[in-house]
C-alpha atoms as a PDB file:
ATOM      1  CA  UNK A   1      61.502  54.449  15.000  1.00  0.00           C
ATOM      2  CA  UNK A   2      59.074  55.373  12.247  1.00  0.00           C
ATOM      3  CA  UNK A   3      60.041  54.376   8.713  1.00  0.00           C
ATOM      4  CA  UNK A   4      60.517  57.311   6.356  1.00  0.00           C
ATOM      5  CA  UNK A   5      58.035  57.721   3.572  1.00  0.00           C
ATOM      6  CA  UNK A   6      58.715  58.691   0.000  1.00  0.00           C
ATOM      7  CA  UNK A   7      56.485  60.534  -2.418  1.00  0.00           C
ATOM      8  CA  UNK A   8      56.463  60.841  -6.190  1.00  0.00           C
ATOM      9  CA  UNK A   9      56.785  64.343  -7.596  1.00  0.00           C
ATOM     10  CA  UNK A  10      55.592  64.815 -11.164  1.00  0.00           C
ATOM     11  CA  UNK A  11      57.994  67.428 -12.518  1.00  0.00           C
ATOM     12  CA  UNK A  12      56.602  67.777 -16.053  1.00  0.00           C
ATOM     13  CA  UNK A  13      53.992  66.170 -18.270  1.00  0.00           C
ATOM     14  CA  UNK A  14      56.254  65.310 -21.182  1.00  0.00           C
ATOM     15  CA  UNK A  15      55.059  64.963 -24.777  1.00  0.00           C
ATOM     16  CA  UNK A  16      52.670  62.019 -24.342  1.00  0.00           C
ATOM     17  CA  UNK A  17      50.057  63.658 -22.125  1.00  0.00           C
ATOM     18  CA  UNK A  18      47.308  61.050 -22.559  1.00  0.00           C
ATOM     19  CA  UNK A  19      49.737  58.273 -21.592  1.00  0.00           C
ATOM     20  CA  UNK A  20      50.779  60.323 -18.562  1.00  0.00           C
ATOM     21  CA  UNK A  21      47.120  60.820 -17.568  1.00  0.00           C
ATOM     22  CA  UNK A  22      46.572  57.056 -17.791  1.00  0.00           C
ATOM     23  CA  UNK A  23      49.634  56.460 -15.618  1.00  0.00           C
ATOM     24  CA  UNK A  24      48.363  58.938 -13.013  1.00  0.00           C
ATOM     25  CA  UNK A  25      44.991  57.148 -13.015  1.00  0.00           C
ATOM     26  CA  UNK A  26      46.736  53.811 -12.473  1.00  0.00           C
ATOM     27  CA  UNK A  27      48.795  55.176  -9.578  1.00  0.00           C
ATOM     28  CA  UNK A  28      46.151  57.266  -7.823  1.00  0.00           C
ATOM     29  CA  UNK A  29      42.793  55.823  -8.844  1.00  0.00           C
ATOM     30  CA  UNK A  30      41.586  59.319  -9.730  1.00  0.00           C
ATOM     31  CA  UNK A  31      39.085  59.950 -12.504  1.00  0.00           C
ATOM     32  CA  UNK A  32      40.249  60.906 -15.981  1.00  0.00           C
ATOM     33  CA  UNK A  33      39.251  64.526 -15.324  1.00  0.00           C
ATOM     34  CA  UNK A  34      41.084  64.779 -11.983  1.00  0.00           C
ATOM     35  CA  UNK A  35      44.135  62.988 -13.374  1.00  0.00           C
ATOM     36  CA  UNK A  36      44.294  65.549 -16.188  1.00  0.00           C
ATOM     37  CA  UNK A  37      43.981  68.403 -13.669  1.00  0.00           C
ATOM     38  CA  UNK A  38      46.819  66.923 -11.611  1.00  0.00           C
ATOM     39  CA  UNK A  39      48.983  66.603 -14.726  1.00  0.00           C
ATOM     40  CA  UNK A  40      48.335  70.242 -15.628  1.00  0.00           C
ATOM     41  CA  UNK A  41      49.509  71.363 -12.158  1.00  0.00           C
ATOM     42  CA  UNK A  42      53.033  69.905 -12.540  1.00  0.00           C
ATOM     43  CA  UNK A  43      55.245  70.099 -10.581  1.00  0.00           C
ATOM     44  CA  UNK A  44      52.980  68.352  -8.081  1.00  0.00           C
ATOM     45  CA  UNK A  45      53.093  65.404  -5.684  1.00  0.00           C
ATOM     46  CA  UNK A  46      51.281  62.433  -7.201  1.00  0.00           C
ATOM     47  CA  UNK A  47      51.472  60.192  -4.126  1.00  0.00           C
ATOM     48  CA  UNK A  48      51.546  60.698  -0.410  1.00  0.00           C
ATOM     49  CA  UNK A  49      54.160  59.023   1.768  1.00  0.00           C
ATOM     50  CA  UNK A  50      54.703  55.414   0.704  1.00  0.00           C
ATOM     51  CA  UNK A  51      57.411  52.775   0.853  1.00  0.00           C
ATOM     52  CA  UNK A  52      60.409  53.381  -1.395  1.00  0.00           C
ATOM     53  CA  UNK A  53      59.590  50.367  -3.554  1.00  0.00           C
ATOM     54  CA  UNK A  54      56.034  51.603  -4.222  1.00  0.00           C
ATOM     55  CA  UNK A  55      57.156  55.120  -5.111  1.00  0.00           C
ATOM     56  CA  UNK A  56      59.936  53.772  -7.317  1.00  0.00           C
ATOM     57  CA  UNK A  57      57.364  51.737  -9.248  1.00  0.00           C
ATOM     58  CA  UNK A  58      55.004  54.736  -9.529  1.00  0.00           C
ATOM     59  CA  UNK A  59      57.821  56.952 -10.831  1.00  0.00           C
ATOM     60  CA  UNK A  60      58.760  54.238 -13.340  1.00  0.00           C
ATOM     61  CA  UNK A  61      55.140  54.098 -14.589  1.00  0.00           C
ATOM     62  CA  UNK A  62      55.112  57.865 -15.105  1.00  0.00           C
ATOM     63  CA  UNK A  63      58.453  57.848 -16.897  1.00  0.00           C
ATOM     64  CA  UNK A  64      57.374  54.953 -19.118  1.00  0.00           C
ATOM     65  CA  UNK A  65      54.377  57.132 -20.065  1.00  0.00           C
ATOM     66  CA  UNK A  66      56.689  59.966 -21.117  1.00  0.00           C
ATOM     67  CA  UNK A  67      56.298  62.133 -18.005  1.00  0.00           C
ATOM     68  CA  UNK A  68      59.168  63.284 -15.807  1.00  0.00           C
ATOM     69  CA  UNK A  69      59.029  62.221 -12.153  1.00  0.00           C
ATOM     70  CA  UNK A  70      61.284  62.109  -9.125  1.00  0.00           C
ATOM     71  CA  UNK A  71      61.113  60.361  -5.771  1.00  0.00           C
ATOM     72  CA  UNK A  72      61.434  62.614  -2.710  1.00  0.00           C
ATOM     73  CA  UNK A  73      62.222  61.561   0.875  1.00  0.00           C
ATOM     74  CA  UNK A  74      59.588  62.667   3.387  1.00  0.00           C
ATOM     75  CA  UNK A  75      62.147  62.912   6.175  1.00  0.00           C
ATOM     76  CA  UNK A  76      64.611  65.302   4.597  1.00  0.00           C
ATOM     77  CA  UNK A  77      63.008  66.381   1.276  1.00  0.00           C
ATOM     78  CA  UNK A  78      65.946  65.122  -0.764  1.00  0.00           C
ATOM     79  CA  UNK A  79      65.413  63.918  -4.306  1.00  0.00           C
ATOM     80  CA  UNK A  80      66.289  60.250  -4.577  1.00  0.00           C
ATOM     81  CA  UNK A  81      68.220  58.892  -7.530  1.00  0.00           C
ATOM     82  CA  UNK A  82      66.563  55.619  -8.362  1.00  0.00           C
ATOM     83  CA  UNK A  83      68.820  52.605  -8.792  1.00  0.00           C
ATOM     84  CA  UNK A  84      71.166  50.384  -6.831  1.00  0.00           C
ATOM     85  CA  UNK A  85      73.678  51.409  -4.191  1.00  0.00           C
ATOM     86  CA  UNK A  86      73.610  54.501  -2.036  1.00  0.00           C
ATOM     87  CA  UNK A  87      70.553  56.520  -2.889  1.00  0.00           C
ATOM     88  CA  UNK A  88      72.088  59.825  -1.833  1.00  0.00           C
ATOM     89  CA  UNK A  89      75.471  59.832  -0.087  1.00  0.00           C
ATOM     90  CA  UNK A  90      74.910  63.219   1.573  1.00  0.00           C
ATOM     91  CA  UNK A  91      74.009  63.199   5.289  1.00  0.00           C
ATOM     92  CA  UNK A  92      70.344  63.273   6.251  1.00  0.00           C
ATOM     93  CA  UNK A  93      69.062  66.786   6.896  1.00  0.00           C
ATOM     94  CA  UNK A  94      66.369  65.512   9.262  1.00  0.00           C
ATOM     95  CA  UNK A  95      66.746  64.778  12.972  1.00  0.00           C
ATOM     96  CA  UNK A  96      67.389  61.060  12.337  1.00  0.00           C
ATOM     97  CA  UNK A  97      70.705  59.197  12.227  1.00  0.00           C
ATOM     98  CA  UNK A  98      72.126  58.803   8.704  1.00  0.00           C
ATOM     99  CA  UNK A  99      72.084  55.010   8.942  1.00  0.00           C
ATOM    100  CA  UNK A 100      68.305  55.124   9.538  1.00  0.00           C
ATOM    101  CA  UNK A 101      67.482  57.522   6.695  1.00  0.00           C
ATOM    102  CA  UNK A 102      66.554  55.573   3.579  1.00  0.00           C
ATOM    103  CA  UNK A 103      67.506  58.524   1.428  1.00  0.00           C
ATOM    104  CA  UNK A 104      71.090  57.843   2.520  1.00  0.00           C
ATOM    105  CA  UNK A 105      70.984  54.048   2.688  1.00  0.00           C
ATOM    106  CA  UNK A 106      69.194  51.519   0.491  1.00  0.00           C
ATOM    107  CA  UNK A 107      66.656  49.259   2.184  1.00  0.00           C
ATOM    108  CA  UNK A 108      68.010  46.022   3.604  1.00  0.00           C
ATOM    109  CA  UNK A 109      67.736  43.157   1.153  1.00  0.00           C
ATOM    110  CA  UNK A 110      65.221  40.707   2.452  1.00  0.00           C
END
């Protein structure tokens, strides 16, 4: 079964726009100009489907820069609350079993 991907959604730029642009550049590798354009389009997806750990780190970088970001499951489009424990206790809205959806269950500790 294919692993679900997660993407980072930039919801708003916040007050520290230059810091947010730098964070977008770090995450995406875009130029300063294109990073600024992406910031101005908020709400917008900053990343494509990635592992939960990578999107969690990207969202943390954006939030540390003063922007507002959320992590969204690619399988069921639910917003993921970052942190320990169940990520979202609601059942998966996709065609996959709830125990396979990482929006419902945290990744196995390895």
